[in-house]
């Protein structure tokens, strides 16, 4: 379990350091006329400061190392 959480934290920390945050797309219904449906995509970003990304990356790395030591 620690290994899975560690991998997720390492991935999120690396994404935060490389791209500065996590961007995702939401589909929003703008017009629904019954026979036609118009949707729009909205991009939202969760900003991650470099310091927080580094802390998340370090926490994930430490969880991976702890998991490796206990299994060996």
PDB file of N, CA and C in Angstrom:
ATOM      1  N   UNK A   1       0.823  -1.196   0.000  1.00  0.00           N
ATOM      2  CA  UNK A   1       0.000   0.000   0.000  1.00  0.00           C
ATOM      3  C   UNK A   1       0.868   1.262   0.000  1.00  0.00           C
ATOM      4  N   UNK A   2       1.958   1.228   0.793  1.00  0.00           N
ATOM      5  CA  UNK A   2       2.850   2.384   0.822  1.00  0.00           C
ATOM      6  C   UNK A   2       3.515   2.609  -0.520  1.00  0.00           C
ATOM      7  N   UNK A   3       3.780   1.516  -1.223  1.00  0.00           N
ATOM      8  CA  UNK A   3       4.424   1.634  -2.529  1.00  0.00           C
ATOM      9  C   UNK A   3       3.500   2.344  -3.520  1.00  0.00           C
ATOM     10  N   UNK A   4       2.228   2.000  -3.511  1.00  0.00           N
ATOM     11  CA  UNK A   4       1.271   2.618  -4.433  1.00  0.00           C
ATOM     12  C   UNK A   4       1.133   4.112  -4.128  1.00  0.00           C
ATOM     13  N   UNK A   5       0.989   4.449  -2.867  1.00  0.00           N
ATOM     14  CA  UNK A   5       0.877   5.855  -2.475  1.00  0.00           C
ATOM     15  C   UNK A   5       2.169   6.593  -2.810  1.00  0.00           C
ATOM     16  N   UNK A   6       3.317   5.942  -2.599  1.00  0.00           N
ATOM     17  CA  UNK A   6       4.597   6.550  -2.935  1.00  0.00           C
ATOM     18  C   UNK A   6       4.725   6.850  -4.416  1.00  0.00           C
ATOM     19  N   UNK A   7       4.304   5.922  -5.253  1.00  0.00           N
ATOM     20  CA  UNK A   7       4.362   6.131  -6.703  1.00  0.00           C
ATOM     21  C   UNK A   7       3.448   7.282  -7.116  1.00  0.00           C
ATOM     22  N   UNK A   8       2.258   7.343  -6.536  1.00  0.00           N
ATOM     23  CA  UNK A   8       1.323   8.430  -6.858  1.00  0.00           C
ATOM     24  C   UNK A   8       1.902   9.778  -6.435  1.00  0.00           C
ATOM     25  N   UNK A   9       2.487   9.840  -5.245  1.00  0.00           N
ATOM     26  CA  UNK A   9       3.076  11.090  -4.777  1.00  0.00           C
ATOM     27  C   UNK A   9       4.268  11.510  -5.631  1.00  0.00           C
ATOM     28  N   UNK A  10       5.090  10.561  -6.037  1.00  0.00           N
ATOM     29  CA  UNK A  10       6.222  10.886  -6.906  1.00  0.00           C
ATOM     30  C   UNK A  10       5.723  11.431  -8.243  1.00  0.00           C
ATOM     31  N   UNK A  11       4.681  10.824  -8.802  1.00  0.00           N
ATOM     32  CA  UNK A  11       4.134  11.285 -10.078  1.00  0.00           C
ATOM     33  C   UNK A  11       3.551  12.697  -9.954  1.00  0.00           C
ATOM     34  N   UNK A  12       2.787  12.944  -8.895  1.00  0.00           N
ATOM     35  CA  UNK A  12       2.182  14.271  -8.709  1.00  0.00           C
ATOM     36  C   UNK A  12       3.270  15.323  -8.471  1.00  0.00           C
ATOM     37  N   UNK A  13       4.294  14.980  -7.682  1.00  0.00           N
ATOM     38  CA  UNK A  13       5.387  15.911  -7.438  1.00  0.00           C
ATOM     39  C   UNK A  13       6.159  16.228  -8.701  1.00  0.00           C
ATOM     40  N   UNK A  14       6.409  15.223  -9.526  1.00  0.00           N
ATOM     41  CA  UNK A  14       7.128  15.448 -10.785  1.00  0.00           C
ATOM     42  C   UNK A  14       6.300  16.304 -11.744  1.00  0.00           C
ATOM     43  N   UNK A  15       5.007  16.036 -11.820  1.00  0.00           N
ATOM     44  CA  UNK A  15       4.134  16.847 -12.683  1.00  0.00           C
ATOM     45  C   UNK A  15       4.124  18.291 -12.207  1.00  0.00           C
ATOM     46  N   UNK A  16       4.076  18.489 -10.901  1.00  0.00           N
ATOM     47  CA  UNK A  16       4.078  19.841 -10.355  1.00  0.00           C
ATOM     48  C   UNK A  16       5.368  20.579 -10.648  1.00  0.00           C
ATOM     49  N   UNK A  17       6.494  19.873 -10.607  1.00  0.00           N
ATOM     50  CA  UNK A  17       7.769  20.522 -10.897  1.00  0.00           C
ATOM     51  C   UNK A  17       7.938  20.811 -12.386  1.00  0.00           C
ATOM     52  N   UNK A  18       7.481  19.907 -13.224  1.00  0.00           N
ATOM     53  CA  UNK A  18       7.675  20.070 -14.666  1.00  0.00           C
ATOM     54  C   UNK A  18       6.692  21.083 -15.251  1.00  0.00           C
ATOM     55  N   UNK A  19       5.395  20.933 -14.957  1.00  0.00           N
ATOM     56  CA  UNK A  19       4.385  21.774 -15.573  1.00  0.00           C
ATOM     57  C   UNK A  19       3.849  22.873 -14.657  1.00  0.00           C
ATOM     58  N   UNK A  20       4.201  22.866 -13.411  1.00  0.00           N
ATOM     59  CA  UNK A  20       3.731  23.906 -12.502  1.00  0.00           C
ATOM     60  C   UNK A  20       2.321  23.695 -11.986  1.00  0.00           C
ATOM     61  N   UNK A  21       1.727  22.580 -12.291  1.00  0.00           N
ATOM     62  CA  UNK A  21       0.381  22.296 -11.814  1.00  0.00           C
ATOM     63  C   UNK A  21      -0.245  21.171 -12.604  1.00  0.00           C
ATOM     64  N   UNK A  22      -1.458  20.849 -12.239  1.00  0.00           N
ATOM     65  CA  UNK A  22      -2.194  19.774 -12.904  1.00  0.00           C
ATOM     66  C   UNK A  22      -3.363  20.423 -13.643  1.00  0.00           C
ATOM     67  N   UNK A  23      -3.435  20.186 -14.948  1.00  0.00           N
ATOM     68  CA  UNK A  23      -4.496  20.744 -15.773  1.00  0.00           C
ATOM     69  C   UNK A  23      -5.461  19.624 -16.155  1.00  0.00           C
ATOM     70  N   UNK A  24      -6.745  19.919 -16.034  1.00  0.00           N
ATOM     71  CA  UNK A  24      -7.751  18.946 -16.437  1.00  0.00           C
ATOM     72  C   UNK A  24      -8.852  19.663 -17.193  1.00  0.00           C
ATOM     73  N   UNK A  25      -9.635  18.897 -17.959  1.00  0.00           N
ATOM     74  CA  UNK A  25     -10.683  19.450 -18.815  1.00  0.00           C
ATOM     75  C   UNK A  25     -12.039  18.945 -18.327  1.00  0.00           C
ATOM     76  N   UNK A  26     -12.984  19.883 -18.191  1.00  0.00           N
ATOM     77  CA  UNK A  26     -14.360  19.539 -17.819  1.00  0.00           C
ATOM     78  C   UNK A  26     -15.273  19.853 -18.993  1.00  0.00           C
ATOM     79  N   UNK A  27     -16.209  18.953 -19.261  1.00  0.00           N
ATOM     80  CA  UNK A  27     -17.237  19.223 -20.266  1.00  0.00           C
ATOM     81  C   UNK A  27     -18.421  19.892 -19.586  1.00  0.00           C
ATOM     82  N   UNK A  28     -18.855  21.002 -20.163  1.00  0.00           N
ATOM     83  CA  UNK A  28     -20.003  21.720 -19.607  1.00  0.00           C
ATOM     84  C   UNK A  28     -21.090  21.800 -20.656  1.00  0.00           C
ATOM     85  N   UNK A  29     -22.332  21.516 -20.252  1.00  0.00           N
ATOM     86  CA  UNK A  29     -23.467  21.686 -21.150  1.00  0.00           C
ATOM     87  C   UNK A  29     -23.816  23.163 -21.188  1.00  0.00           C
ATOM     88  N   UNK A  30     -23.775  23.735 -22.365  1.00  0.00           N
ATOM     89  CA  UNK A  30     -24.114  25.146 -22.468  1.00  0.00           C
ATOM     90  C   UNK A  30     -25.517  25.338 -23.027  1.00  0.00           C
ATOM     91  N   UNK A  31     -25.887  24.553 -24.042  1.00  0.00           N
ATOM     92  CA  UNK A  31     -27.215  24.683 -24.647  1.00  0.00           C
ATOM     93  C   UNK A  31     -27.751  23.279 -24.905  1.00  0.00           C
ATOM     94  N   UNK A  32     -28.982  23.029 -24.457  1.00  0.00           N
ATOM     95  CA  UNK A  32     -29.640  21.751 -24.720  1.00  0.00           C
ATOM     96  C   UNK A  32     -31.018  22.056 -25.283  1.00  0.00           C
ATOM     97  N   UNK A  33     -31.165  21.920 -26.615  1.00  0.00           N
ATOM     98  CA  UNK A  33     -32.417  22.255 -27.277  1.00  0.00           C
ATOM     99  C   UNK A  33     -33.305  21.047 -27.532  1.00  0.00           C
ATOM    100  N   UNK A  34     -32.938  19.916 -27.031  1.00  0.00           N
ATOM    101  CA  UNK A  34     -33.720  18.704 -27.249  1.00  0.00           C
ATOM    102  C   UNK A  34     -33.170  17.915 -28.415  1.00  0.00           C
ATOM    103  N   UNK A  35     -33.145  18.494 -29.605  1.00  0.00           N
ATOM    104  CA  UNK A  35     -32.620  17.797 -30.776  1.00  0.00           C
ATOM    105  C   UNK A  35     -31.136  18.090 -30.983  1.00  0.00           C
ATOM    106  N   UNK A  36     -30.644  19.162 -30.395  1.00  0.00           N
ATOM    107  CA  UNK A  36     -29.224  19.509 -30.520  1.00  0.00           C
ATOM    108  C   UNK A  36     -28.667  19.822 -29.133  1.00  0.00           C
ATOM    109  N   UNK A  37     -27.478  19.369 -28.912  1.00  0.00           N
ATOM    110  CA  UNK A  37     -26.833  19.603 -27.630  1.00  0.00           C
ATOM    111  C   UNK A  37     -25.439  20.179 -27.901  1.00  0.00           C
ATOM    112  N   UNK A  38     -25.181  21.345 -27.369  1.00  0.00           N
ATOM    113  CA  UNK A  38     -23.898  21.998 -27.561  1.00  0.00           C
ATOM    114  C   UNK A  38     -23.141  21.943 -26.245  1.00  0.00           C
ATOM    115  N   UNK A  39     -21.936  21.401 -26.294  1.00  0.00           N
ATOM    116  CA  UNK A  39     -21.105  21.328 -25.100  1.00  0.00           C
ATOM    117  C   UNK A  39     -19.837  22.132 -25.321  1.00  0.00           C
ATOM    118  N   UNK A  40     -19.290  22.585 -24.236  1.00  0.00           N
ATOM    119  CA  UNK A  40     -18.037  23.335 -24.275  1.00  0.00           C
ATOM    120  C   UNK A  40     -17.065  22.706 -23.288  1.00  0.00           C
ATOM    121  N   UNK A  41     -15.798  22.721 -23.646  1.00  0.00           N
ATOM    122  CA  UNK A  41     -14.775  22.215 -22.756  1.00  0.00           C
ATOM    123  C   UNK A  41     -14.155  23.375 -21.992  1.00  0.00           C
ATOM    124  N   UNK A  42     -13.979  23.180 -20.708  1.00  0.00           N
ATOM    125  CA  UNK A  42     -13.385  24.204 -19.859  1.00  0.00           C
ATOM    126  C   UNK A  42     -12.135  23.636 -19.219  1.00  0.00           C
ATOM    127  N   UNK A  43     -11.010  24.318 -19.416  1.00  0.00           N
ATOM    128  CA  UNK A  43      -9.757  23.876 -18.816  1.00  0.00           C
ATOM    129  C   UNK A  43      -9.601  24.526 -17.449  1.00  0.00           C
ATOM    130  N   UNK A  44      -9.313  23.707 -16.465  1.00  0.00           N
ATOM    131  CA  UNK A  44      -9.038  24.194 -15.124  1.00  0.00           C
ATOM    132  C   UNK A  44      -7.649  23.706 -14.728  1.00  0.00           C
ATOM    133  N   UNK A  45      -6.973  24.494 -13.918  1.00  0.00           N
ATOM    134  CA  UNK A  45      -5.632  24.143 -13.470  1.00  0.00           C
ATOM    135  C   UNK A  45      -5.571  24.198 -11.958  1.00  0.00           C
ATOM    136  N   UNK A  46      -4.971  23.172 -11.378  1.00  0.00           N
ATOM    137  CA  UNK A  46      -4.682  23.162  -9.948  1.00  0.00           C
ATOM    138  C   UNK A  46      -3.210  23.561  -9.827  1.00  0.00           C
ATOM    139  N   UNK A  47      -2.928  24.786  -9.398  1.00  0.00           N
ATOM    140  CA  UNK A  47      -1.526  25.202  -9.328  1.00  0.00           C
ATOM    141  C   UNK A  47      -0.786  24.528  -8.173  1.00  0.00           C
ATOM    142  N   UNK A  48       0.437  24.112  -8.438  1.00  0.00           N
ATOM    143  CA  UNK A  48       1.292  23.525  -7.412  1.00  0.00           C
ATOM    144  C   UNK A  48       2.586  24.325  -7.362  1.00  0.00           C
ATOM    145  N   UNK A  49       2.842  25.020  -6.268  1.00  0.00           N
ATOM    146  CA  UNK A  49       4.097  25.765  -6.160  1.00  0.00           C
ATOM    147  C   UNK A  49       5.282  24.792  -6.163  1.00  0.00           C
ATOM    148  N   UNK A  50       6.443  25.245  -6.631  1.00  0.00           N
ATOM    149  CA  UNK A  50       7.609  24.362  -6.681  1.00  0.00           C
ATOM    150  C   UNK A  50       8.007  23.800  -5.314  1.00  0.00           C
ATOM    151  N   UNK A  51       7.827  24.568  -4.263  1.00  0.00           N
ATOM    152  CA  UNK A  51       8.185  24.078  -2.933  1.00  0.00           C
ATOM    153  C   UNK A  51       7.262  22.915  -2.540  1.00  0.00           C
ATOM    154  N   UNK A  52       5.968  23.077  -2.766  1.00  0.00           N
ATOM    155  CA  UNK A  52       5.023  22.004  -2.448  1.00  0.00           C
ATOM    156  C   UNK A  52       5.290  20.772  -3.310  1.00  0.00           C
ATOM    157  N   UNK A  53       5.626  20.981  -4.578  1.00  0.00           N
ATOM    158  CA  UNK A  53       5.937  19.855  -5.462  1.00  0.00           C
ATOM    159  C   UNK A  53       7.166  19.109  -4.975  1.00  0.00           C
ATOM    160  N   UNK A  54       8.174  19.840  -4.524  1.00  0.00           N
ATOM    161  CA  UNK A  54       9.373  19.202  -3.993  1.00  0.00           C
ATOM    162  C   UNK A  54       9.088  18.408  -2.736  1.00  0.00           C
ATOM    163  N   UNK A  55       8.246  18.950  -1.866  1.00  0.00           N
ATOM    164  CA  UNK A  55       7.886  18.230  -0.633  1.00  0.00           C
ATOM    165  C   UNK A  55       7.098  16.967  -0.965  1.00  0.00           C
ATOM    166  N   UNK A  56       6.171  17.056  -1.911  1.00  0.00           N
ATOM    167  CA  UNK A  56       5.389  15.887  -2.320  1.00  0.00           C
ATOM    168  C   UNK A  56       6.303  14.835  -2.943  1.00  0.00           C
ATOM    169  N   UNK A  57       7.245  15.273  -3.770  1.00  0.00           N
ATOM    170  CA  UNK A  57       8.188  14.349  -4.395  1.00  0.00           C
ATOM    171  C   UNK A  57       9.066  13.663  -3.351  1.00  0.00           C
ATOM    172  N   UNK A  58       9.538  14.422  -2.370  1.00  0.00           N
ATOM    173  CA  UNK A  58      10.369  13.847  -1.305  1.00  0.00           C
ATOM    174  C   UNK A  58       9.571  12.865  -0.446  1.00  0.00           C
ATOM    175  N   UNK A  59       8.318  13.191  -0.169  1.00  0.00           N
ATOM    176  CA  UNK A  59       7.479  12.285   0.626  1.00  0.00           C
ATOM    177  C   UNK A  59       7.236  10.975  -0.121  1.00  0.00           C
ATOM    178  N   UNK A  60       6.966  11.068  -1.413  1.00  0.00           N
ATOM    179  CA  UNK A  60       6.760   9.857  -2.202  1.00  0.00           C
ATOM    180  C   UNK A  60       8.012   9.007  -2.289  1.00  0.00           C
ATOM    181  N   UNK A  61       9.164   9.652  -2.454  1.00  0.00           N
ATOM    182  CA  UNK A  61      10.426   8.920  -2.502  1.00  0.00           C
ATOM    183  C   UNK A  61      10.708   8.227  -1.179  1.00  0.00           C
ATOM    184  N   UNK A  62      10.442   8.920  -0.077  1.00  0.00           N
ATOM    185  CA  UNK A  62      10.684   8.302   1.229  1.00  0.00           C
ATOM    186  C   UNK A  62       9.740   7.127   1.466  1.00  0.00           C
ATOM    187  N   UNK A  63       8.497   7.223   1.022  1.00  0.00           N
ATOM    188  CA  UNK A  63       7.578   6.089   1.151  1.00  0.00           C
ATOM    189  C   UNK A  63       8.053   4.900   0.321  1.00  0.00           C
ATOM    190  N   UNK A  64       8.587   5.168  -0.871  1.00  0.00           N
ATOM    191  CA  UNK A  64       9.115   4.076  -1.693  1.00  0.00           C
ATOM    192  C   UNK A  64      10.319   3.418  -1.033  1.00  0.00           C
ATOM    193  N   UNK A  65      11.204   4.227  -0.445  1.00  0.00           N
ATOM    194  CA  UNK A  65      12.379   3.664   0.207  1.00  0.00           C
ATOM    195  C   UNK A  65      12.010   2.881   1.467  1.00  0.00           C
ATOM    196  N   UNK A  66      11.046   3.379   2.231  1.00  0.00           N
ATOM    197  CA  UNK A  66      10.595   2.664   3.429  1.00  0.00           C
ATOM    198  C   UNK A  66       9.949   1.330   3.036  1.00  0.00           C
ATOM    199  N   UNK A  67       9.161   1.349   1.992  1.00  0.00           N
ATOM    200  CA  UNK A  67       8.532   0.107   1.516  1.00  0.00           C
ATOM    201  C   UNK A  67       9.549  -0.902   1.042  1.00  0.00           C
ATOM    202  N   UNK A  68      10.618  -0.428   0.415  1.00  0.00           N
ATOM    203  CA  UNK A  68      11.657  -1.329  -0.080  1.00  0.00           C
ATOM    204  C   UNK A  68      12.444  -1.935   1.078  1.00  0.00           C
ATOM    205  N   UNK A  69      12.745  -1.153   2.101  1.00  0.00           N
ATOM    206  CA  UNK A  69      13.499  -1.654   3.247  1.00  0.00           C
ATOM    207  C   UNK A  69      12.724  -2.693   4.036  1.00  0.00           C
ATOM    208  N   UNK A  70      11.435  -2.489   4.176  1.00  0.00           N
ATOM    209  CA  UNK A  70      10.625  -3.429   4.957  1.00  0.00           C
ATOM    210  C   UNK A  70      10.420  -4.747   4.226  1.00  0.00           C
ATOM    211  N   UNK A  71      10.358  -4.704   2.898  1.00  0.00           N
ATOM    212  CA  UNK A  71      10.137  -5.926   2.142  1.00  0.00           C
ATOM    213  C   UNK A  71      11.413  -6.752   2.001  1.00  0.00           C
ATOM    214  N   UNK A  72      12.574  -6.117   2.144  1.00  0.00           N
ATOM    215  CA  UNK A  72      13.848  -6.840   1.980  1.00  0.00           C
ATOM    216  C   UNK A  72      14.264  -7.566   3.229  1.00  0.00           C
TER     217      UNK A  72
END
